[in-house]
Amino acid sequence: MPNTVFERTGEHITEAAHKASRAADAIAEAAEDAIGVARRTGKQFNDAAEELLDDTTQRIKRHPAEAVVATFAMGLIAGVLIGWIIGRK
């Protein structure tokens, strides 16, 4: 058992330092886990986007007329909406 105030203070400081060290380790581990999750999510998103692009490319190659008609329709709809918005002002 510590005899002096200095010894007790030293023990309290040592204990606080150990607690702070354990807390810092826990925070670092949580940050590493979060980075790993973010990387896996980014890779999954990238894979899904790449697959969507490949599927779209294949669909356009198989049905070119349908792709042209769909593009024309989307352009027409966008033009009508833009004209309608500008005309209201």
Protein backbone atom coordinates (compact mmCIF):
# COMPACT_ATOMS: atom_id res chain seq x y z
CA MET A 1 0.00 0.00 0.00
CA PRO A 2 1.40 3.42 -0.90
CA ASN A 3 2.60 5.47 1.98
CA THR A 4 2.87 8.94 0.57
CA VAL A 5 0.72 11.22 -1.47
CA PHE A 6 3.34 11.17 -4.24
CA GLU A 7 3.20 7.38 -4.49
CA ARG A 8 -0.62 7.39 -4.66
CA THR A 9 -0.52 10.14 -7.28
CA GLY A 10 2.00 8.13 -9.27
CA GLU A 11 -0.24 5.07 -9.14
CA HIS A 12 -3.27 7.11 -10.25
CA ILE A 13 -1.30 8.59 -13.14
CA THR A 14 -0.08 5.14 -14.18
CA GLU A 15 -3.61 3.73 -14.02
CA ALA A 16 -4.99 6.66 -16.03
CA ALA A 17 -2.27 6.20 -18.64
CA HIS A 18 -3.12 2.49 -18.98
CA LYS A 19 -6.82 3.31 -19.37
CA ALA A 20 -6.05 5.96 -21.97
CA SER A 21 -3.82 3.52 -23.84
CA ARG A 22 -6.56 0.85 -23.89
CA ALA A 23 -9.10 3.44 -25.08
CA ALA A 24 -6.77 4.60 -27.85
CA ASP A 25 -6.25 0.98 -28.94
CA ALA A 26 -10.02 0.42 -29.04
CA ILE A 27 -10.51 3.58 -31.13
CA ALA A 28 -7.74 2.56 -33.53
CA GLU A 29 -9.25 -0.91 -33.93
CA ALA A 30 -12.71 0.56 -34.58
CA ALA A 31 -11.22 2.91 -37.18
CA GLU A 32 -9.47 0.01 -38.92
CA ASP A 33 -12.74 -1.93 -38.97
CA ALA A 34 -14.58 1.06 -40.44
CA ILE A 35 -11.93 1.48 -43.13
CA GLY A 36 -12.23 -2.22 -44.02
CA VAL A 37 -16.01 -1.96 -44.28
CA ALA A 38 -15.71 1.16 -46.46
CA ARG A 39 -13.25 -0.58 -48.77
CA ARG A 40 -15.46 -3.65 -49.13
CA THR A 41 -18.52 -1.48 -49.78
CA GLY A 42 -16.62 0.54 -52.38
CA LYS A 43 -15.46 -2.63 -54.12
CA GLN A 44 -19.00 -4.04 -54.16
CA PHE A 45 -20.34 -0.76 -55.57
CA ASN A 46 -17.62 -0.71 -58.20
CA ASP A 47 -18.37 -4.31 -59.19
CA ALA A 48 -22.11 -3.59 -59.41
CA ALA A 49 -21.56 -0.47 -61.52
CA GLU A 50 -19.22 -2.34 -63.85
CA GLU A 51 -21.74 -5.17 -64.21
CA LEU A 52 -24.52 -2.68 -64.98
CA LEU A 53 -22.36 -1.01 -67.64
CA ASP A 54 -21.53 -4.37 -69.21
CA ASP A 55 -25.20 -5.43 -69.20
CA THR A 56 -26.24 -2.14 -70.77
CA THR A 57 -23.58 -2.43 -73.45
CA GLN A 58 -24.71 -5.96 -74.31
CA ARG A 59 -28.37 -4.91 -74.42
CA ILE A 60 -27.56 -2.03 -76.79
CA LYS A 61 -25.61 -4.40 -79.04
CA ARG A 62 -28.47 -6.92 -79.12
CA HIS A 63 -31.25 -4.31 -79.62
CA PRO A 64 -29.81 -1.22 -81.34
CA ALA A 65 -33.13 0.07 -82.73
CA GLU A 66 -34.75 -0.17 -79.31
CA ALA A 67 -31.84 1.76 -77.82
CA VAL A 68 -32.17 4.54 -80.40
CA VAL A 69 -35.93 4.83 -79.82
CA ALA A 70 -35.47 4.90 -76.04
CA THR A 71 -32.78 7.58 -76.31
CA PHE A 72 -34.96 9.67 -78.60
CA ALA A 73 -37.93 9.33 -76.22
CA MET A 74 -35.84 10.36 -73.20
CA GLY A 75 -34.49 13.37 -75.11
CA LEU A 76 -37.99 14.37 -76.16
CA ILE A 77 -39.31 14.07 -72.60
CA ALA A 78 -36.36 16.07 -71.23
CA GLY A 79 -36.92 18.76 -73.90
CA VAL A 80 -40.62 19.02 -73.13
CA LEU A 81 -39.94 19.29 -69.39
CA ILE A 82 -37.26 21.94 -69.85
CA GLY A 83 -39.51 23.90 -72.22
CA TRP A 84 -42.41 23.65 -69.79
CA ILE A 85 -40.24 24.86 -66.86
CA ILE A 86 -38.83 27.78 -68.87
CA GLY A 87 -42.31 28.67 -70.20
CA ARG A 88 -43.78 28.91 -66.70
CA LYS A 89 -41.36 31.66 -65.69
